[in-house]
Amino acid sequence: MELKSVKKKYKALNFAAGCSREVIQRGADMLGRTLDDLISDTILAMRTLEKPQAE
């Protein structure tokens, strides 16, 4: 998943329909981040979680 594809899907109302885009934007603003930075960081965090943990 890449930022460009998430931003394209983000515009569609049926994508993440249960999430408030207003709340997401407000959270980014509160963190002093752009929406793009917030989405990129979230994608990176999700990738990190997908990797198997070494024992």
C-alpha atoms as a PDB file:
ATOM      1  CA  MET A   1       0.000   0.000   0.000  1.00  0.00           C
ATOM      2  CA  GLU A   2       1.328   3.398  -0.986  1.00  0.00           C
ATOM      3  CA  LEU A   3       0.386   6.961  -0.036  1.00  0.00           C
ATOM      4  CA  LYS A   4      -0.781   7.747  -3.577  1.00  0.00           C
ATOM      5  CA  SER A   5      -3.234   4.835  -3.659  1.00  0.00           C
ATOM      6  CA  VAL A   6      -4.595   5.569  -0.166  1.00  0.00           C
ATOM      7  CA  LYS A   7      -5.144   9.243  -1.032  1.00  0.00           C
ATOM      8  CA  LYS A   8      -7.006   8.250  -4.197  1.00  0.00           C
ATOM      9  CA  LYS A   9      -9.242   5.823  -2.284  1.00  0.00           C
ATOM     10  CA  TYR A  10      -9.628   8.266   0.628  1.00  0.00           C
ATOM     11  CA  LYS A  11     -11.748  10.514  -1.590  1.00  0.00           C
ATOM     12  CA  ALA A  12     -14.316   7.721  -2.111  1.00  0.00           C
ATOM     13  CA  LEU A  13     -16.992   7.816   0.583  1.00  0.00           C
ATOM     14  CA  ASN A  14     -17.215   4.013   0.736  1.00  0.00           C
ATOM     15  CA  PHE A  15     -13.501   3.714   1.617  1.00  0.00           C
ATOM     16  CA  ALA A  16     -13.147   3.541   5.406  1.00  0.00           C
ATOM     17  CA  ALA A  17     -16.814   4.491   5.617  1.00  0.00           C
ATOM     18  CA  GLY A  18     -16.864   4.043   9.402  1.00  0.00           C
ATOM     19  CA  CYS A  19     -14.090   6.593   9.917  1.00  0.00           C
ATOM     20  CA  SER A  20     -14.631  10.320  10.228  1.00  0.00           C
ATOM     21  CA  ARG A  21     -12.314  12.188   7.902  1.00  0.00           C
ATOM     22  CA  GLU A  22     -12.895  15.279  10.036  1.00  0.00           C
ATOM     23  CA  VAL A  23     -11.567  13.484  13.116  1.00  0.00           C
ATOM     24  CA  ILE A  24      -8.561  12.174  11.166  1.00  0.00           C
ATOM     25  CA  GLN A  25      -7.745  15.677   9.906  1.00  0.00           C
ATOM     26  CA  ARG A  26      -8.213  17.150  13.382  1.00  0.00           C
ATOM     27  CA  GLY A  27      -5.831  14.532  14.792  1.00  0.00           C
ATOM     28  CA  ALA A  28      -3.215  15.378  12.177  1.00  0.00           C
ATOM     29  CA  ASP A  29      -3.631  19.075  12.987  1.00  0.00           C
ATOM     30  CA  MET A  30      -3.281  18.407  16.720  1.00  0.00           C
ATOM     31  CA  LEU A  31      -0.061  16.505  16.060  1.00  0.00           C
ATOM     32  CA  GLY A  32       1.228  19.314  13.853  1.00  0.00           C
ATOM     33  CA  ARG A  33       1.397  16.929  10.884  1.00  0.00           C
ATOM     34  CA  THR A  34       0.030  17.069   7.380  1.00  0.00           C
ATOM     35  CA  LEU A  35      -2.552  14.489   6.387  1.00  0.00           C
ATOM     36  CA  ASP A  36      -0.019  13.013   3.931  1.00  0.00           C
ATOM     37  CA  ASP A  37       2.558  12.621   6.716  1.00  0.00           C
ATOM     38  CA  LEU A  38       0.005  10.994   8.999  1.00  0.00           C
ATOM     39  CA  ILE A  39      -1.083   8.524   6.310  1.00  0.00           C
ATOM     40  CA  SER A  40       2.542   7.733   5.399  1.00  0.00           C
ATOM     41  CA  ASP A  41       3.463   7.108   9.033  1.00  0.00           C
ATOM     42  CA  THR A  42       0.407   4.890   9.461  1.00  0.00           C
ATOM     43  CA  ILE A  43       1.325   2.835   6.384  1.00  0.00           C
ATOM     44  CA  LEU A  44       4.874   2.451   7.702  1.00  0.00           C
ATOM     45  CA  ALA A  45       3.591   1.339  11.110  1.00  0.00           C
ATOM     46  CA  MET A  46       1.269  -1.198   9.498  1.00  0.00           C
ATOM     47  CA  ARG A  47       4.172  -2.607   7.452  1.00  0.00           C
ATOM     48  CA  THR A  48       6.230  -2.942  10.623  1.00  0.00           C
ATOM     49  CA  LEU A  49       3.425  -4.890  12.296  1.00  0.00           C
ATOM     50  CA  GLU A  50       3.084  -7.229   9.308  1.00  0.00           C
ATOM     51  CA  LYS A  51       6.667  -8.443   9.592  1.00  0.00           C
ATOM     52  CA  PRO A  52       7.104 -11.594  11.681  1.00  0.00           C
ATOM     53  CA  GLN A  53       8.741 -10.915  15.010  1.00  0.00           C
ATOM     54  CA  ALA A  54      12.059 -12.687  15.638  1.00  0.00           C
ATOM     55  CA  GLU A  55      12.059 -14.888  18.694  1.00  0.00           C
END
